[in-house]
Amino acid sequence: PDFIPGHSHYSSFPGFVVRELHRVPSGVKLFGVMDLVHTEWPKVKYISKNIEQIAALKIPQDVWIILDDGTHGRDAALRHGVPEERIRFLPNGINLEWSGRDPDRERLRGEFGIPDDCAAVLFLARLVPSKRPEMLINAVAAARREANRRVVFLFVGDGVSREPCENLVQSLGIGEDVRFIGALEHARVPDIMAASDVFVST
């Protein structure tokens, strides 16, 4: 091989081993380093929460590619000894072409149960604590007050946070405007994007 690409902290050590065996460059792509910014945490908590990410930054690579989640990834990487010239960032984003993929937007909105007169806000991710879906749920009441038309909030994905999120929706009394669609096969992601008006990443 000419280059050894690593995918998440799990591949840091194997990638390093292959790099040394073949004497070729290697790199690892990290999906954000959100908890590494919590330097205010007690040392034991900081290390226990971040041991895998710290290891991924300490194991030698030729490049570290960090998905930029807005949580000071460069500072975290530098603090853990990564040379600045070896850090690269990929910004979070979505494929804007998906919004115009299917001219039959009304049909797609009908499939996903989005009323014609509603704006649709989409949260699409695993429903786990690190994705912070409850942040959007807590914003629903304010959005309903400020919007000049009805807004429906679509939560697409599944995970350990789904039940707590559903309970939060019920306790806030906003169930009529929040839909939990569950996991969606990847081929249908462009469809739900095209049917929605706003994409939210927390």
N, C-alpha and C. Protein backbone atom coordinates (compact mmCIF):
# COMPACT_ATOMS: atom_id res chain seq x y z
N PRO A 1 0.83 -1.21 0.00
CA PRO A 1 0.00 0.00 0.00
C PRO A 1 0.86 1.26 0.00
N ASP A 2 0.26 2.34 -0.51
CA ASP A 2 0.95 3.63 -0.49
C ASP A 2 0.59 4.46 0.75
N PHE A 3 -0.56 4.14 1.34
CA PHE A 3 -1.03 4.89 2.51
C PHE A 3 -1.95 3.98 3.32
N ILE A 4 -1.85 4.05 4.64
CA ILE A 4 -2.69 3.25 5.53
C ILE A 4 -3.72 4.18 6.17
N PRO A 5 -5.00 4.13 5.75
CA PRO A 5 -6.02 4.98 6.36
C PRO A 5 -6.68 4.29 7.56
N GLY A 6 -6.80 5.01 8.64
CA GLY A 6 -7.47 4.48 9.83
C GLY A 6 -8.81 5.16 10.01
N HIS A 7 -9.78 4.40 10.48
CA HIS A 7 -11.16 4.88 10.62
C HIS A 7 -11.54 4.79 12.09
N SER A 8 -11.45 5.88 12.83
CA SER A 8 -11.75 6.02 14.26
C SER A 8 -10.59 5.51 15.11
N HIS A 9 -10.68 5.77 16.40
CA HIS A 9 -9.59 5.44 17.32
C HIS A 9 -9.29 3.94 17.37
N TYR A 10 -10.26 3.10 17.00
CA TYR A 10 -10.04 1.66 17.02
C TYR A 10 -8.91 1.24 16.09
N SER A 11 -8.70 2.01 15.04
CA SER A 11 -7.72 1.61 14.02
C SER A 11 -6.35 2.24 14.24
N SER A 12 -6.19 3.06 15.26
CA SER A 12 -4.92 3.78 15.45
C SER A 12 -3.74 2.82 15.61
N PHE A 13 -3.88 1.87 16.53
CA PHE A 13 -2.75 0.96 16.78
C PHE A 13 -2.51 0.01 15.61
N PRO A 14 -3.56 -0.66 15.07
CA PRO A 14 -3.31 -1.52 13.90
C PRO A 14 -2.70 -0.74 12.73
N GLY A 15 -3.19 0.48 12.51
CA GLY A 15 -2.63 1.29 11.43
C GLY A 15 -1.17 1.59 11.64
N PHE A 16 -0.82 1.88 12.89
CA PHE A 16 0.58 2.16 13.24
C PHE A 16 1.45 0.92 12.97
N VAL A 17 0.95 -0.26 13.35
CA VAL A 17 1.72 -1.49 13.15
C VAL A 17 1.96 -1.73 11.66
N VAL A 18 0.92 -1.58 10.85
CA VAL A 18 1.08 -1.80 9.40
C VAL A 18 2.01 -0.75 8.81
N ARG A 19 1.88 0.48 9.30
CA ARG A 19 2.78 1.57 8.87
C ARG A 19 4.24 1.19 9.10
N GLU A 20 4.54 0.65 10.29
CA GLU A 20 5.91 0.29 10.61
C GLU A 20 6.38 -0.93 9.79
N LEU A 21 5.49 -1.89 9.59
CA LEU A 21 5.86 -3.08 8.83
C LEU A 21 6.16 -2.76 7.37
N HIS A 22 5.36 -1.88 6.79
CA HIS A 22 5.49 -1.59 5.35
C HIS A 22 6.26 -0.30 5.06
N ARG A 23 6.58 0.44 6.13
CA ARG A 23 7.32 1.70 5.97
C ARG A 23 6.61 2.65 5.00
N VAL A 24 5.30 2.80 5.20
CA VAL A 24 4.51 3.74 4.39
C VAL A 24 3.74 4.66 5.34
N PRO A 25 3.29 5.81 4.87
CA PRO A 25 2.56 6.74 5.73
C PRO A 25 1.21 6.18 6.18
N SER A 26 0.76 6.66 7.34
CA SER A 26 -0.56 6.27 7.84
C SER A 26 -1.26 7.50 8.40
N GLY A 27 -2.56 7.38 8.51
CA GLY A 27 -3.36 8.46 9.11
C GLY A 27 -4.59 7.87 9.76
N VAL A 28 -5.19 8.64 10.65
CA VAL A 28 -6.40 8.18 11.31
C VAL A 28 -7.44 9.30 11.27
N LYS A 29 -8.68 8.92 11.00
CA LYS A 29 -9.79 9.87 10.99
C LYS A 29 -10.57 9.72 12.28
N LEU A 30 -10.67 10.77 13.05
CA LEU A 30 -11.38 10.76 14.32
C LEU A 30 -12.70 11.52 14.17
N PHE A 31 -13.76 10.94 14.71
CA PHE A 31 -15.09 11.53 14.56
C PHE A 31 -15.38 12.50 15.70
N GLY A 32 -14.63 13.58 15.73
CA GLY A 32 -14.80 14.56 16.79
C GLY A 32 -14.00 14.16 18.02
N VAL A 33 -13.71 15.14 18.83
CA VAL A 33 -12.94 14.92 20.06
C VAL A 33 -13.63 15.67 21.19
N MET A 34 -14.98 15.53 21.26
CA MET A 34 -15.76 16.41 22.10
C MET A 34 -15.39 16.41 23.57
N ASP A 35 -15.13 15.23 24.14
CA ASP A 35 -14.86 15.21 25.58
C ASP A 35 -13.44 15.64 25.94
N LEU A 36 -12.54 15.70 24.95
CA LEU A 36 -11.17 16.13 25.23
C LEU A 36 -11.09 17.60 25.62
N VAL A 37 -12.14 18.36 25.38
CA VAL A 37 -12.11 19.79 25.71
C VAL A 37 -12.44 20.04 27.18
N HIS A 38 -12.90 19.03 27.90
CA HIS A 38 -13.35 19.22 29.28
C HIS A 38 -12.18 19.16 30.26
N THR A 39 -11.30 20.12 30.14
CA THR A 39 -10.14 20.15 31.03
C THR A 39 -10.53 20.52 32.46
N GLU A 40 -11.75 20.97 32.65
CA GLU A 40 -12.20 21.30 34.01
C GLU A 40 -12.60 20.05 34.80
N TRP A 41 -12.75 18.91 34.13
CA TRP A 41 -13.11 17.67 34.82
C TRP A 41 -11.97 17.22 35.73
N PRO A 42 -12.28 16.51 36.81
CA PRO A 42 -11.21 15.88 37.61
C PRO A 42 -10.39 14.94 36.72
N LYS A 43 -9.11 14.80 37.04
CA LYS A 43 -8.19 14.06 36.18
C LYS A 43 -8.67 12.63 35.91
N VAL A 44 -9.16 11.94 36.94
CA VAL A 44 -9.59 10.55 36.77
C VAL A 44 -10.76 10.47 35.79
N LYS A 45 -11.72 11.38 35.92
CA LYS A 45 -12.86 11.39 35.01
C LYS A 45 -12.40 11.71 33.59
N TYR A 46 -11.52 12.70 33.46
CA TYR A 46 -11.03 13.10 32.14
C TYR A 46 -10.37 11.92 31.43
N ILE A 47 -9.50 11.21 32.14
CA ILE A 47 -8.78 10.10 31.53
C ILE A 47 -9.73 8.94 31.22
N SER A 48 -10.63 8.62 32.18
CA SER A 48 -11.52 7.48 31.95
C SER A 48 -12.47 7.73 30.78
N LYS A 49 -12.92 8.98 30.61
CA LYS A 49 -13.84 9.31 29.51
C LYS A 49 -13.11 9.39 28.17
N ASN A 50 -11.80 9.67 28.21
CA ASN A 50 -11.07 9.99 26.98
C ASN A 50 -9.93 9.04 26.64
N ILE A 51 -9.81 7.93 27.35
CA ILE A 51 -8.62 7.08 27.19
C ILE A 51 -8.41 6.65 25.74
N GLU A 52 -9.50 6.32 25.02
CA GLU A 52 -9.35 5.85 23.64
C GLU A 52 -8.92 7.00 22.73
N GLN A 53 -9.51 8.19 22.92
CA GLN A 53 -9.15 9.34 22.09
C GLN A 53 -7.71 9.78 22.38
N ILE A 54 -7.32 9.76 23.66
CA ILE A 54 -5.95 10.14 24.01
C ILE A 54 -4.97 9.18 23.34
N ALA A 55 -5.26 7.88 23.42
CA ALA A 55 -4.39 6.89 22.78
C ALA A 55 -4.29 7.15 21.28
N ALA A 56 -5.43 7.49 20.66
CA ALA A 56 -5.43 7.75 19.21
C ALA A 56 -4.57 8.95 18.85
N LEU A 57 -4.43 9.90 19.77
CA LEU A 57 -3.60 11.07 19.52
C LEU A 57 -2.13 10.83 19.88
N LYS A 58 -1.87 9.83 20.70
CA LYS A 58 -0.49 9.55 21.12
C LYS A 58 0.21 8.55 20.19
N ILE A 59 -0.55 7.65 19.56
CA ILE A 59 0.05 6.65 18.68
C ILE A 59 0.50 7.36 17.39
N PRO A 60 1.78 7.25 17.03
CA PRO A 60 2.30 8.01 15.89
C PRO A 60 1.55 7.74 14.58
N GLN A 61 1.26 8.83 13.87
CA GLN A 61 0.64 8.79 12.55
C GLN A 61 1.29 9.90 11.72
N ASP A 62 1.04 9.86 10.44
CA ASP A 62 1.52 10.94 9.57
C ASP A 62 0.50 12.05 9.44
N VAL A 63 -0.76 11.72 9.68
CA VAL A 63 -1.81 12.73 9.64
C VAL A 63 -2.96 12.29 10.55
N TRP A 64 -3.55 13.25 11.25
CA TRP A 64 -4.76 13.04 12.02
C TRP A 64 -5.86 13.87 11.36
N ILE A 65 -6.91 13.22 10.93
CA ILE A 65 -8.04 13.91 10.31
C ILE A 65 -9.16 13.94 11.34
N ILE A 66 -9.55 15.12 11.77
CA ILE A 66 -10.56 15.26 12.83
C ILE A 66 -11.82 15.87 12.24
N LEU A 67 -12.93 15.17 12.43
CA LEU A 67 -14.20 15.74 12.02
C LEU A 67 -14.47 16.92 12.93
N ASP A 68 -14.60 18.10 12.36
CA ASP A 68 -14.70 19.32 13.16
C ASP A 68 -16.11 19.46 13.72
N ASP A 69 -16.26 19.15 15.00
CA ASP A 69 -17.58 19.24 15.62
C ASP A 69 -17.74 20.54 16.40
N GLY A 70 -16.84 21.50 16.20
CA GLY A 70 -16.98 22.79 16.86
C GLY A 70 -16.55 22.80 18.30
N THR A 71 -15.83 21.77 18.76
CA THR A 71 -15.44 21.73 20.17
C THR A 71 -13.93 21.83 20.34
N HIS A 72 -13.32 22.73 19.62
CA HIS A 72 -11.90 23.04 19.81
C HIS A 72 -10.99 21.83 19.59
N GLY A 73 -11.26 21.10 18.50
CA GLY A 73 -10.47 19.91 18.20
C GLY A 73 -8.99 20.19 18.02
N ARG A 74 -8.65 21.32 17.40
CA ARG A 74 -7.23 21.65 17.22
C ARG A 74 -6.54 21.81 18.57
N ASP A 75 -7.19 22.55 19.48
CA ASP A 75 -6.60 22.75 20.81
C ASP A 75 -6.39 21.42 21.52
N ALA A 76 -7.40 20.54 21.43
CA ALA A 76 -7.30 19.24 22.09
C ALA A 76 -6.16 18.41 21.52
N ALA A 77 -6.05 18.38 20.18
CA ALA A 77 -5.00 17.60 19.54
C ALA A 77 -3.62 18.14 19.91
N LEU A 78 -3.46 19.46 19.87
CA LEU A 78 -2.17 20.07 20.23
C LEU A 78 -1.81 19.79 21.68
N ARG A 79 -2.81 19.86 22.56
CA ARG A 79 -2.58 19.63 23.99
C ARG A 79 -2.08 18.21 24.24
N HIS A 80 -2.46 17.28 23.36
CA HIS A 80 -2.04 15.89 23.53
C HIS A 80 -0.87 15.52 22.62
N GLY A 81 -0.16 16.52 22.12
CA GLY A 81 1.11 16.29 21.47
C GLY A 81 1.10 16.06 19.97
N VAL A 82 -0.02 16.29 19.30
CA VAL A 82 -0.05 16.13 17.85
C VAL A 82 0.59 17.36 17.20
N PRO A 83 1.57 17.15 16.33
CA PRO A 83 2.18 18.31 15.64
C PRO A 83 1.15 19.03 14.78
N GLU A 84 1.12 20.36 14.87
CA GLU A 84 0.10 21.13 14.17
C GLU A 84 0.08 20.86 12.67
N GLU A 85 1.25 20.66 12.07
CA GLU A 85 1.29 20.45 10.62
C GLU A 85 0.70 19.10 10.20
N ARG A 86 0.41 18.25 11.16
CA ARG A 86 -0.17 16.94 10.84
C ARG A 86 -1.66 16.86 11.14
N ILE A 87 -2.26 17.97 11.52
CA ILE A 87 -3.69 17.99 11.83
C ILE A 87 -4.46 18.48 10.60
N ARG A 88 -5.51 17.77 10.24
CA ARG A 88 -6.41 18.19 9.17
C ARG A 88 -7.84 18.12 9.71
N PHE A 89 -8.69 18.98 9.20
CA PHE A 89 -10.08 19.00 9.65
C PHE A 89 -11.03 18.77 8.50
N LEU A 90 -12.11 18.05 8.77
CA LEU A 90 -13.23 17.91 7.85
C LEU A 90 -14.43 18.54 8.53
N PRO A 91 -15.02 19.56 7.95
CA PRO A 91 -16.17 20.20 8.60
C PRO A 91 -17.40 19.31 8.53
N ASN A 92 -18.24 19.40 9.58
CA ASN A 92 -19.55 18.75 9.52
C ASN A 92 -20.34 19.37 8.37
N GLY A 93 -21.21 18.59 7.77
CA GLY A 93 -22.02 19.15 6.70
C GLY A 93 -22.95 18.12 6.13
N ILE A 94 -23.75 18.54 5.18
CA ILE A 94 -24.66 17.63 4.49
C ILE A 94 -24.52 17.87 2.99
N ASN A 95 -25.00 16.93 2.22
CA ASN A 95 -24.96 17.03 0.77
C ASN A 95 -26.15 17.89 0.32
N LEU A 96 -25.89 19.12 -0.08
CA LEU A 96 -26.97 20.03 -0.46
C LEU A 96 -27.70 19.57 -1.73
N GLU A 97 -27.04 18.74 -2.55
CA GLU A 97 -27.72 18.23 -3.74
C GLU A 97 -28.93 17.37 -3.38
N TRP A 98 -28.91 16.79 -2.18
CA TRP A 98 -30.02 15.94 -1.77
C TRP A 98 -31.32 16.71 -1.70
N SER A 99 -31.25 18.00 -1.39
CA SER A 99 -32.50 18.77 -1.23
C SER A 99 -33.27 18.89 -2.54
N GLY A 100 -32.58 18.76 -3.67
CA GLY A 100 -33.26 18.85 -4.96
C GLY A 100 -33.28 17.54 -5.71
N ARG A 101 -33.03 16.45 -5.00
CA ARG A 101 -32.89 15.15 -5.66
C ARG A 101 -34.19 14.68 -6.32
N ASP A 102 -35.29 14.84 -5.61
CA ASP A 102 -36.56 14.34 -6.13
C ASP A 102 -37.52 15.50 -6.30
N PRO A 103 -37.95 15.80 -7.54
CA PRO A 103 -38.86 16.93 -7.72
C PRO A 103 -40.22 16.69 -7.07
N ASP A 104 -40.53 15.44 -6.72
CA ASP A 104 -41.81 15.13 -6.12
C ASP A 104 -41.73 15.23 -4.59
N ARG A 105 -41.41 16.43 -4.12
CA ARG A 105 -41.24 16.65 -2.68
C ARG A 105 -42.52 16.39 -1.91
N GLU A 106 -43.65 16.72 -2.52
CA GLU A 106 -44.93 16.51 -1.83
C GLU A 106 -45.16 15.03 -1.55
N ARG A 107 -44.80 14.18 -2.51
CA ARG A 107 -44.96 12.74 -2.30
C ARG A 107 -44.08 12.27 -1.14
N LEU A 108 -42.84 12.74 -1.12
CA LEU A 108 -41.93 12.35 -0.04
C LEU A 108 -42.44 12.83 1.31
N ARG A 109 -42.93 14.06 1.36
CA ARG A 109 -43.45 14.59 2.63
C ARG A 109 -44.65 13.75 3.09
N GLY A 110 -45.48 13.32 2.15
CA GLY A 110 -46.61 12.47 2.50
C GLY A 110 -46.15 11.13 3.06
N GLU A 111 -45.10 10.55 2.47
CA GLU A 111 -44.57 9.27 2.94
C GLU A 111 -44.09 9.37 4.39
N PHE A 112 -43.50 10.51 4.74
CA PHE A 112 -42.96 10.67 6.09
C PHE A 112 -43.96 11.33 7.04
N GLY A 113 -45.18 11.54 6.59
CA GLY A 113 -46.22 12.08 7.46
C GLY A 113 -46.05 13.54 7.81
N ILE A 114 -45.48 14.31 6.90
CA ILE A 114 -45.28 15.75 7.14
C ILE A 114 -46.46 16.50 6.52
N PRO A 115 -47.28 17.16 7.33
CA PRO A 115 -48.42 17.90 6.77
C PRO A 115 -47.98 19.00 5.81
N ASP A 116 -48.83 19.31 4.82
CA ASP A 116 -48.49 20.29 3.79
C ASP A 116 -48.16 21.66 4.36
N ASP A 117 -48.86 22.05 5.41
CA ASP A 117 -48.71 23.41 5.91
C ASP A 117 -47.60 23.55 6.96
N CYS A 118 -46.78 22.52 7.13
CA CYS A 118 -45.74 22.52 8.18
C CYS A 118 -44.34 22.71 7.59
N ALA A 119 -43.51 23.36 8.38
CA ALA A 119 -42.07 23.31 8.12
C ALA A 119 -41.55 22.08 8.86
N ALA A 120 -40.64 21.35 8.23
CA ALA A 120 -40.11 20.13 8.83
C ALA A 120 -38.65 20.33 9.24
N VAL A 121 -38.37 20.12 10.54
CA VAL A 121 -37.02 20.21 11.08
C VAL A 121 -36.52 18.79 11.30
N LEU A 122 -35.35 18.48 10.75
CA LEU A 122 -34.83 17.11 10.77
C LEU A 122 -33.62 16.98 11.68
N PHE A 123 -33.69 16.01 12.59
CA PHE A 123 -32.53 15.56 13.38
C PHE A 123 -32.26 14.13 12.93
N LEU A 124 -31.09 13.88 12.34
CA LEU A 124 -30.78 12.56 11.81
C LEU A 124 -29.44 12.12 12.36
N ALA A 125 -29.47 11.19 13.30
CA ALA A 125 -28.26 10.69 13.95
C ALA A 125 -28.64 9.53 14.84
N ARG A 126 -27.62 8.83 15.34
CA ARG A 126 -27.91 7.85 16.38
C ARG A 126 -28.47 8.60 17.58
N LEU A 127 -29.45 8.02 18.24
CA LEU A 127 -30.00 8.65 19.44
C LEU A 127 -29.21 8.15 20.64
N VAL A 128 -28.09 8.82 20.86
CA VAL A 128 -27.16 8.49 21.95
C VAL A 128 -26.75 9.80 22.61
N PRO A 129 -26.27 9.75 23.87
CA PRO A 129 -25.95 10.99 24.58
C PRO A 129 -24.99 11.92 23.84
N SER A 130 -23.98 11.36 23.15
CA SER A 130 -22.99 12.23 22.50
C SER A 130 -23.57 13.04 21.35
N LYS A 131 -24.72 12.63 20.81
CA LYS A 131 -25.36 13.38 19.73
C LYS A 131 -26.32 14.45 20.26
N ARG A 132 -26.59 14.45 21.54
CA ARG A 132 -27.37 15.48 22.24
C ARG A 132 -28.74 15.78 21.62
N PRO A 133 -29.55 14.75 21.36
CA PRO A 133 -30.87 15.02 20.79
C PRO A 133 -31.78 15.82 21.71
N GLU A 134 -31.56 15.68 23.02
CA GLU A 134 -32.42 16.41 23.97
C GLU A 134 -32.25 17.92 23.85
N MET A 135 -31.12 18.39 23.33
CA MET A 135 -30.94 19.83 23.12
C MET A 135 -31.99 20.37 22.17
N LEU A 136 -32.25 19.61 21.09
CA LEU A 136 -33.26 20.05 20.14
C LEU A 136 -34.66 19.94 20.75
N ILE A 137 -34.91 18.87 21.48
CA ILE A 137 -36.22 18.72 22.12
C ILE A 137 -36.51 19.90 23.03
N ASN A 138 -35.52 20.32 23.80
CA ASN A 138 -35.70 21.45 24.70
C ASN A 138 -35.90 22.77 23.96
N ALA A 139 -35.51 22.81 22.69
CA ALA A 139 -35.68 24.03 21.89
C ALA A 139 -37.03 24.08 21.17
N VAL A 140 -37.75 22.96 21.18
CA VAL A 140 -39.00 22.88 20.42
C VAL A 140 -40.01 23.93 20.88
N ALA A 141 -40.17 24.09 22.18
CA ALA A 141 -41.17 25.04 22.68
C ALA A 141 -40.87 26.45 22.19
N ALA A 142 -39.60 26.85 22.25
CA ALA A 142 -39.23 28.19 21.78
C ALA A 142 -39.47 28.32 20.28
N ALA A 143 -39.14 27.26 19.54
CA ALA A 143 -39.34 27.30 18.08
C ALA A 143 -40.82 27.43 17.75
N ARG A 144 -41.64 26.74 18.51
CA ARG A 144 -43.09 26.82 18.26
C ARG A 144 -43.61 28.23 18.51
N ARG A 145 -43.06 28.89 19.53
CA ARG A 145 -43.50 30.27 19.84
C ARG A 145 -43.06 31.24 18.76
N GLU A 146 -41.86 31.06 18.23
CA GLU A 146 -41.27 32.04 17.31
C GLU A 146 -41.67 31.83 15.85
N ALA A 147 -42.04 30.60 15.50
CA ALA A 147 -42.32 30.31 14.09
C ALA A 147 -43.62 30.95 13.65
N ASN A 148 -43.67 31.35 12.37
CA ASN A 148 -44.89 31.95 11.83
C ASN A 148 -45.82 30.91 11.19
N ARG A 149 -45.44 29.62 11.32
CA ARG A 149 -46.32 28.53 10.89
C ARG A 149 -45.98 27.30 11.72
N ARG A 150 -46.79 26.28 11.62
CA ARG A 150 -46.55 25.07 12.40
C ARG A 150 -45.25 24.42 11.97
N VAL A 151 -44.52 23.89 12.95
CA VAL A 151 -43.26 23.20 12.69
C VAL A 151 -43.36 21.80 13.26
N VAL A 152 -42.96 20.81 12.47
CA VAL A 152 -42.90 19.44 12.94
C VAL A 152 -41.43 19.03 13.01
N PHE A 153 -41.07 18.34 14.09
CA PHE A 153 -39.69 17.95 14.34
C PHE A 153 -39.56 16.45 14.15
N LEU A 154 -38.68 16.05 13.22
CA LEU A 154 -38.49 14.64 12.89
C LEU A 154 -37.18 14.14 13.48
N PHE A 155 -37.26 13.11 14.31
CA PHE A 155 -36.07 12.48 14.86
C PHE A 155 -35.88 11.13 14.18
N VAL A 156 -34.86 11.07 13.32
CA VAL A 156 -34.60 9.86 12.55
C VAL A 156 -33.33 9.22 13.10
N GLY A 157 -33.47 8.01 13.60
CA GLY A 157 -32.36 7.30 14.20
C GLY A 157 -32.86 6.52 15.40
N ASP A 158 -31.99 5.72 15.97
CA ASP A 158 -32.37 4.94 17.13
C ASP A 158 -31.17 4.82 18.05
N GLY A 159 -31.42 4.37 19.28
CA GLY A 159 -30.33 4.21 20.23
C GLY A 159 -30.83 4.32 21.65
N VAL A 160 -29.89 4.30 22.58
CA VAL A 160 -30.23 4.26 24.01
C VAL A 160 -30.94 5.52 24.50
N SER A 161 -30.82 6.62 23.77
CA SER A 161 -31.47 7.86 24.20
C SER A 161 -32.90 8.00 23.69
N ARG A 162 -33.35 7.05 22.88
CA ARG A 162 -34.69 7.24 22.31
C ARG A 162 -35.77 7.28 23.39
N GLU A 163 -35.78 6.30 24.28
CA GLU A 163 -36.82 6.27 25.31
C GLU A 163 -36.76 7.50 26.21
N PRO A 164 -35.58 7.90 26.73
CA PRO A 164 -35.53 9.14 27.51
C PRO A 164 -36.01 10.37 26.73
N CYS A 165 -35.70 10.41 25.43
CA CYS A 165 -36.15 11.54 24.60
C CYS A 165 -37.67 11.52 24.44
N GLU A 166 -38.23 10.33 24.22
CA GLU A 166 -39.69 10.23 24.10
C GLU A 166 -40.36 10.65 25.41
N ASN A 167 -39.76 10.26 26.54
CA ASN A 167 -40.31 10.65 27.84
C ASN A 167 -40.23 12.16 28.03
N LEU A 168 -39.12 12.78 27.58
CA LEU A 168 -38.97 14.23 27.69
C LEU A 168 -40.01 14.95 26.86
N VAL A 169 -40.27 14.45 25.66
CA VAL A 169 -41.29 15.03 24.79
C VAL A 169 -42.65 15.00 25.48
N GLN A 170 -42.97 13.86 26.09
CA GLN A 170 -44.25 13.74 26.77
C GLN A 170 -44.34 14.68 27.97
N SER A 171 -43.25 14.78 28.73
CA SER A 171 -43.28 15.64 29.92
C SER A 171 -43.39 17.11 29.55
N LEU A 172 -42.90 17.49 28.37
CA LEU A 172 -43.00 18.88 27.91
C LEU A 172 -44.32 19.15 27.18
N GLY A 173 -45.08 18.10 26.92
CA GLY A 173 -46.37 18.27 26.24
C GLY A 173 -46.25 18.72 24.80
N ILE A 174 -45.24 18.24 24.09
CA ILE A 174 -45.02 18.67 22.71
C ILE A 174 -45.13 17.51 21.72
N GLY A 175 -45.78 16.43 22.17
CA GLY A 175 -45.86 15.22 21.36
C GLY A 175 -46.50 15.41 20.00
N GLU A 176 -47.42 16.37 19.88
CA GLU A 176 -48.11 16.55 18.60
C GLU A 176 -47.19 17.08 17.51
N ASP A 177 -46.07 17.68 17.90
CA ASP A 177 -45.17 18.27 16.91
C ASP A 177 -43.83 17.55 16.79
N VAL A 178 -43.67 16.43 17.49
CA VAL A 178 -42.41 15.69 17.46
C VAL A 178 -42.69 14.26 17.02
N ARG A 179 -41.94 13.80 16.03
CA ARG A 179 -42.10 12.43 15.52
C ARG A 179 -40.78 11.68 15.63
N PHE A 180 -40.84 10.49 16.20
CA PHE A 180 -39.68 9.61 16.24
C PHE A 180 -39.87 8.55 15.14
N ILE A 181 -39.10 8.66 14.08
CA ILE A 181 -39.27 7.80 12.92
C ILE A 181 -38.49 6.50 13.06
N GLY A 182 -37.45 6.51 13.88
CA GLY A 182 -36.61 5.32 14.04
C GLY A 182 -35.51 5.28 13.01
N ALA A 183 -34.80 4.17 12.97
CA ALA A 183 -33.69 4.02 12.03
C ALA A 183 -34.23 4.00 10.60
N LEU A 184 -33.46 4.57 9.71
CA LEU A 184 -33.85 4.66 8.30
C LEU A 184 -32.70 4.11 7.48
N GLU A 185 -33.01 3.26 6.51
CA GLU A 185 -31.93 2.70 5.70
C GLU A 185 -31.21 3.82 4.95
N HIS A 186 -29.92 3.64 4.76
CA HIS A 186 -29.07 4.70 4.22
C HIS A 186 -29.56 5.21 2.87
N ALA A 187 -30.09 4.32 2.04
CA ALA A 187 -30.55 4.72 0.71
C ALA A 187 -31.69 5.73 0.77
N ARG A 188 -32.38 5.80 1.93
CA ARG A 188 -33.51 6.72 2.06
C ARG A 188 -33.13 8.05 2.71
N VAL A 189 -31.89 8.18 3.12
CA VAL A 189 -31.46 9.44 3.73
C VAL A 189 -31.67 10.64 2.79
N PRO A 190 -31.32 10.54 1.51
CA PRO A 190 -31.58 11.68 0.63
C PRO A 190 -33.06 12.04 0.55
N ASP A 191 -33.94 11.04 0.68
CA ASP A 191 -35.38 11.32 0.62
C ASP A 191 -35.85 12.13 1.82
N ILE A 192 -35.43 11.73 3.02
CA ILE A 192 -35.87 12.46 4.22
C ILE A 192 -35.25 13.87 4.23
N MET A 193 -34.03 14.00 3.68
CA MET A 193 -33.42 15.32 3.56
C MET A 193 -34.23 16.20 2.60
N ALA A 194 -34.62 15.62 1.47
CA ALA A 194 -35.37 16.39 0.48
C ALA A 194 -36.74 16.78 0.99
N ALA A 195 -37.32 15.96 1.88
CA ALA A 195 -38.65 16.24 2.41
C ALA A 195 -38.62 17.29 3.51
N SER A 196 -37.45 17.57 4.06
CA SER A 196 -37.34 18.47 5.21
C SER A 196 -36.95 19.88 4.78
N ASP A 197 -37.13 20.82 5.68
CA ASP A 197 -36.79 22.23 5.41
C ASP A 197 -35.53 22.67 6.12
N VAL A 198 -35.29 22.11 7.31
CA VAL A 198 -34.15 22.51 8.13
C VAL A 198 -33.48 21.26 8.67
N PHE A 199 -32.15 21.22 8.61
CA PHE A 199 -31.39 20.12 9.21
C PHE A 199 -30.67 20.65 10.43
N VAL A 200 -30.80 19.94 11.56
CA VAL A 200 -30.17 20.38 12.80
C VAL A 200 -29.13 19.37 13.24
N SER A 201 -27.93 19.84 13.53
CA SER A 201 -26.89 19.00 14.12
C SER A 201 -26.49 19.60 15.46
N THR A 202 -26.73 18.86 16.52
CA THR A 202 -26.37 19.35 17.87
C THR A 202 -25.01 18.84 18.30
